Amino acid sequence: MGKKIGFPTINVAYNEIDLPFGVYISLVDTPLGTYKGALHFGPRSVLGIMEPCLEVHLLDFSGDLYGQQVTVHIYDKIRDTESFDTMDSLKRQIRRDVEYVRQTEIVV
């Protein structure tokens, strides 16, 4: 779905995770390099999917990571998850989240 709305994501498999639902700044190590990411953990209510998922939009990435192993480093929480009435309102918020991640310096 992310690709269709202009924000492709990688869906990351996880077992147990002690992380409150929300949107976070992240760094993702991939076989193609390390990228900043806007990470979402929680339900995708605008799609009617209440099962939590962990997905990351990688900034300035183009390529294919299907089947590849990645390491996700999670940093600051940007905001809690929200419910959106429309896809347009979701896209506007994602744009704001991505811009915030882009402008934020990550101290490792």
C-alpha atoms as a PDB file:
ATOM      1  CA  MET A   1       0.000   0.000   0.000  1.00  0.00           C
ATOM      2  CA  GLY A   2       2.844   2.404   0.812  1.00  0.00           C
ATOM      3  CA  LYS A   3       4.091   2.315  -2.765  1.00  0.00           C
ATOM      4  CA  LYS A   4       0.621   3.206  -4.074  1.00  0.00           C
ATOM      5  CA  ILE A   5       0.467   6.361  -1.952  1.00  0.00           C
ATOM      6  CA  GLY A   6       4.039   7.466  -2.688  1.00  0.00           C
ATOM      7  CA  PHE A   7       5.736   6.147   0.447  1.00  0.00           C
ATOM      8  CA  PRO A   8       6.973   2.601  -0.179  1.00  0.00           C
ATOM      9  CA  THR A   9       7.820   0.695   2.979  1.00  0.00           C
ATOM     10  CA  ILE A  10       9.668  -2.395   4.002  1.00  0.00           C
ATOM     11  CA  ASN A  11       7.596  -4.652   6.234  1.00  0.00           C
ATOM     12  CA  VAL A  12       9.829  -6.018   8.962  1.00  0.00           C
ATOM     13  CA  ALA A  13       9.151  -9.367  10.603  1.00  0.00           C
ATOM     14  CA  TYR A  14       9.491  -9.397  14.366  1.00  0.00           C
ATOM     15  CA  ASN A  15       8.804 -11.855  17.160  1.00  0.00           C
ATOM     16  CA  GLU A  16       8.216 -10.014  20.400  1.00  0.00           C
ATOM     17  CA  ILE A  17       8.871  -6.316  20.672  1.00  0.00           C
ATOM     18  CA  ASP A  18       8.546  -4.040  23.681  1.00  0.00           C
ATOM     19  CA  LEU A  19       7.707  -0.866  21.813  1.00  0.00           C
ATOM     20  CA  PRO A  20       4.684   1.379  22.250  1.00  0.00           C
ATOM     21  CA  PHE A  21       2.657   1.946  19.090  1.00  0.00           C
ATOM     22  CA  GLY A  22       3.819   5.034  17.255  1.00  0.00           C
ATOM     23  CA  VAL A  23       5.991   6.603  14.581  1.00  0.00           C
ATOM     24  CA  TYR A  24       9.743   6.691  15.164  1.00  0.00           C
ATOM     25  CA  ILE A  25      12.987   7.921  13.653  1.00  0.00           C
ATOM     26  CA  SER A  26      15.092   4.951  12.601  1.00  0.00           C
ATOM     27  CA  LEU A  27      18.239   3.903  10.800  1.00  0.00           C
ATOM     28  CA  VAL A  28      18.077   0.771   8.687  1.00  0.00           C
ATOM     29  CA  ASP A  29      21.137  -1.241   7.677  1.00  0.00           C
ATOM     30  CA  THR A  30      20.500  -2.975   4.349  1.00  0.00           C
ATOM     31  CA  PRO A  31      22.738  -4.861   1.909  1.00  0.00           C
ATOM     32  CA  LEU A  32      22.596  -1.668  -0.213  1.00  0.00           C
ATOM     33  CA  GLY A  33      23.622   0.771   2.549  1.00  0.00           C
ATOM     34  CA  THR A  34      22.267   2.473   5.657  1.00  0.00           C
ATOM     35  CA  TYR A  35      19.240   4.731   5.368  1.00  0.00           C
ATOM     36  CA  LYS A  36      17.220   6.986   7.627  1.00  0.00           C
ATOM     37  CA  GLY A  37      13.682   5.773   8.034  1.00  0.00           C
ATOM     38  CA  ALA A  38      10.265   6.829   9.235  1.00  0.00           C
ATOM     39  CA  LEU A  39       9.098   3.750  11.148  1.00  0.00           C
ATOM     40  CA  HIS A  40       5.487   2.954  11.976  1.00  0.00           C
ATOM     41  CA  PHE A  41       4.607   0.314  14.556  1.00  0.00           C
ATOM     42  CA  GLY A  42       0.969  -0.434  15.183  1.00  0.00           C
ATOM     43  CA  PRO A  43      -2.308  -1.151  13.418  1.00  0.00           C
ATOM     44  CA  ARG A  44      -3.096   0.227   9.964  1.00  0.00           C
ATOM     45  CA  SER A  45      -6.574   1.437  10.850  1.00  0.00           C
ATOM     46  CA  VAL A  46      -7.124   3.412   7.634  1.00  0.00           C
ATOM     47  CA  LEU A  47      -6.925   0.034   5.865  1.00  0.00           C
ATOM     48  CA  GLY A  48      -9.043  -1.697   8.502  1.00  0.00           C
ATOM     49  CA  ILE A  49      -6.062  -3.815   9.631  1.00  0.00           C
ATOM     50  CA  MET A  50      -5.897  -3.920  13.415  1.00  0.00           C
ATOM     51  CA  GLU A  51      -3.062  -6.458  13.671  1.00  0.00           C
ATOM     52  CA  PRO A  52       0.146  -4.523  14.530  1.00  0.00           C
ATOM     53  CA  CYS A  53       2.824  -4.281  11.860  1.00  0.00           C
ATOM     54  CA  LEU A  54       6.305  -2.803  11.775  1.00  0.00           C
ATOM     55  CA  GLU A  55       6.988  -0.948   8.543  1.00  0.00           C
ATOM     56  CA  VAL A  56       9.638   1.568   7.555  1.00  0.00           C
ATOM     57  CA  HIS A  57       9.789   4.118   4.760  1.00  0.00           C
ATOM     58  CA  LEU A  58      13.463   4.496   3.816  1.00  0.00           C
ATOM     59  CA  LEU A  59      14.416   8.045   2.873  1.00  0.00           C
ATOM     60  CA  ASP A  60      16.182   8.476  -0.479  1.00  0.00           C
ATOM     61  CA  PHE A  61      16.126   4.733  -1.203  1.00  0.00           C
ATOM     62  CA  SER A  62      15.408   3.133  -4.519  1.00  0.00           C
ATOM     63  CA  GLY A  63      15.833  -0.547  -5.074  1.00  0.00           C
ATOM     64  CA  ASP A  64      14.449  -3.898  -4.112  1.00  0.00           C
ATOM     65  CA  LEU A  65      14.896  -5.424  -0.659  1.00  0.00           C
ATOM     66  CA  TYR A  66      12.394  -8.271  -0.976  1.00  0.00           C
ATOM     67  CA  GLY A  67      13.758 -11.314   0.828  1.00  0.00           C
ATOM     68  CA  GLN A  68      16.786  -9.390   2.125  1.00  0.00           C
ATOM     69  CA  GLN A  69      17.770  -9.184   5.772  1.00  0.00           C
ATOM     70  CA  VAL A  70      17.855  -5.727   7.342  1.00  0.00           C
ATOM     71  CA  THR A  71      18.675  -4.401  10.796  1.00  0.00           C
ATOM     72  CA  VAL A  72      16.432  -1.670  12.166  1.00  0.00           C
ATOM     73  CA  HIS A  73      17.728   0.741  14.815  1.00  0.00           C
ATOM     74  CA  ILE A  74      14.912   2.634  16.507  1.00  0.00           C
ATOM     75  CA  TYR A  75      15.513   6.096  17.933  1.00  0.00           C
ATOM     76  CA  ASP A  76      13.186   8.905  18.970  1.00  0.00           C
ATOM     77  CA  LYS A  77       9.426   8.618  18.911  1.00  0.00           C
ATOM     78  CA  ILE A  78       7.852  11.272  16.711  1.00  0.00           C
ATOM     79  CA  ARG A  79       4.226  10.736  17.656  1.00  0.00           C
ATOM     80  CA  ASP A  80       1.592   8.222  18.703  1.00  0.00           C
ATOM     81  CA  THR A  81      -0.371   6.314  16.102  1.00  0.00           C
ATOM     82  CA  GLU A  82      -3.516   8.018  14.871  1.00  0.00           C
ATOM     83  CA  SER A  83      -6.666   7.052  13.025  1.00  0.00           C
ATOM     84  CA  PHE A  84      -7.188   8.788   9.697  1.00  0.00           C
ATOM     85  CA  ASP A  85     -10.530   9.202   7.958  1.00  0.00           C
ATOM     86  CA  THR A  86      -9.058   9.394   4.467  1.00  0.00           C
ATOM     87  CA  MET A  87      -5.958   8.329   2.565  1.00  0.00           C
ATOM     88  CA  ASP A  88      -5.286  12.012   1.781  1.00  0.00           C
ATOM     89  CA  SER A  89      -5.099  12.910   5.472  1.00  0.00           C
ATOM     90  CA  LEU A  90      -2.790   9.922   6.038  1.00  0.00           C
ATOM     91  CA  LYS A  91      -0.513  11.014   3.153  1.00  0.00           C
ATOM     92  CA  ARG A  92      -0.306  14.568   4.535  1.00  0.00           C
ATOM     93  CA  GLN A  93       0.765  13.243   7.939  1.00  0.00           C
ATOM     94  CA  ILE A  94       3.318  10.843   6.437  1.00  0.00           C
ATOM     95  CA  ARG A  95       4.791  13.755   4.450  1.00  0.00           C
ATOM     96  CA  ARG A  96       5.195  15.708   7.711  1.00  0.00           C
ATOM     97  CA  ASP A  97       6.736  12.675   9.460  1.00  0.00           C
ATOM     98  CA  VAL A  98       9.217  12.064   6.636  1.00  0.00           C
ATOM     99  CA  GLU A  99      10.251  15.722   6.579  1.00  0.00           C
ATOM    100  CA  TYR A 100      10.770  15.645  10.347  1.00  0.00           C
ATOM    101  CA  VAL A 101      12.972  12.535  10.040  1.00  0.00           C
ATOM    102  CA  ARG A 102      14.928  14.141   7.185  1.00  0.00           C
ATOM    103  CA  GLN A 103      15.682  17.259   9.249  1.00  0.00           C
ATOM    104  CA  THR A 104      16.551  15.426  12.484  1.00  0.00           C
ATOM    105  CA  GLU A 105      20.154  14.557  13.215  1.00  0.00           C
ATOM    106  CA  ILE A 106      20.540  11.075  14.616  1.00  0.00           C
ATOM    107  CA  VAL A 107      23.129  10.767  17.362  1.00  0.00           C
ATOM    108  CA  VAL A 108      24.373   7.201  17.544  1.00  0.00           C
END
